Amino acid sequence: MTKEFEHLKFKIDDRVARITFARPPLNVFNISMMREIGDALNDCLPHRDLAAIVFRRGARHQGL
């Protein structure tokens, strides 16, 4: 399962949910991004077999 938000990428694969922050260059959280994180975590609820939820940073601009 893959789902894209404005500030995140969200994917569940092989019992692992991955939430990737996609707000370059520094991936600073704002209210909208925090809401999307909550939505992604809610999307994890029906998947009772999940082993992990991994948070990752997205790509940064060169030089940072």
Protein backbone atom coordinates (compact mmCIF):
# COMPACT_ATOMS: atom_id res chain seq x y z
CA MET A 1 0.00 0.00 0.00
CA THR A 2 1.40 3.39 -1.01
CA LYS A 3 -0.16 6.75 -0.27
CA GLU A 4 1.17 10.24 -0.94
CA PHE A 5 0.41 13.35 1.01
CA GLU A 6 1.54 16.91 0.36
CA HIS A 7 4.42 16.75 2.89
CA LEU A 8 4.94 12.99 3.31
CA LYS A 9 5.27 9.77 1.44
CA PHE A 10 3.65 6.77 3.10
CA LYS A 11 4.10 3.12 2.26
CA ILE A 12 3.33 -0.19 3.94
CA ASP A 13 5.36 -3.10 2.64
CA ASP A 14 6.27 -6.43 4.20
CA ARG A 15 4.88 -5.59 7.67
CA VAL A 16 6.76 -2.26 7.82
CA ALA A 17 5.15 1.16 7.48
CA ARG A 18 7.48 3.87 6.18
CA ILE A 19 6.71 7.55 6.63
CA THR A 20 9.14 9.75 4.70
CA PHE A 21 9.22 13.47 5.35
CA ALA A 22 9.07 15.34 2.04
CA ARG A 23 9.48 19.00 2.92
CA PRO A 24 12.97 19.95 1.73
CA PRO A 25 15.42 21.32 2.39
CA LEU A 26 15.19 20.76 6.17
CA ASN A 27 11.89 18.87 6.56
CA VAL A 28 10.72 21.34 9.20
CA PHE A 29 7.34 20.33 10.63
CA ASN A 30 4.35 22.61 10.20
CA ILE A 31 0.73 22.10 11.26
CA SER A 32 -0.23 20.55 7.92
CA MET A 33 2.65 18.07 8.08
CA MET A 34 1.75 17.09 11.65
CA ARG A 35 -1.84 16.42 10.55
CA GLU A 36 -0.57 14.25 7.70
CA ILE A 37 1.62 12.27 10.13
CA GLY A 38 -1.49 11.68 12.25
CA ASP A 39 -3.43 10.56 9.16
CA ALA A 40 -0.63 8.17 8.15
CA LEU A 41 -0.51 6.70 11.66
CA ASN A 42 -4.30 6.26 11.57
CA ASP A 43 -3.89 4.42 8.26
CA CYS A 44 -1.63 1.97 10.13
CA LEU A 45 -4.33 1.03 12.67
CA PRO A 46 -6.11 -1.63 10.58
CA HIS A 47 -2.79 -3.36 9.84
CA ARG A 48 -2.49 -5.33 13.09
CA ASP A 49 0.41 -7.38 11.69
CA LEU A 50 2.77 -4.38 11.37
CA ALA A 51 6.16 -5.06 12.93
CA ALA A 52 7.48 -1.47 12.75
CA ILE A 53 6.75 2.10 11.74
CA VAL A 54 9.87 3.79 10.33
CA PHE A 55 10.22 7.56 10.07
CA ARG A 56 12.73 8.75 7.47
CA ARG A 57 13.86 12.09 6.18
CA GLY A 58 13.45 12.85 2.53
CA ALA A 59 16.18 14.09 0.23
CA ARG A 60 17.99 17.25 1.23
CA HIS A 61 19.36 19.88 -1.08
CA GLN A 62 23.00 19.53 -1.94
CA GLY A 63 25.30 21.19 0.56
CA LEU A 64 23.08 20.82 3.63
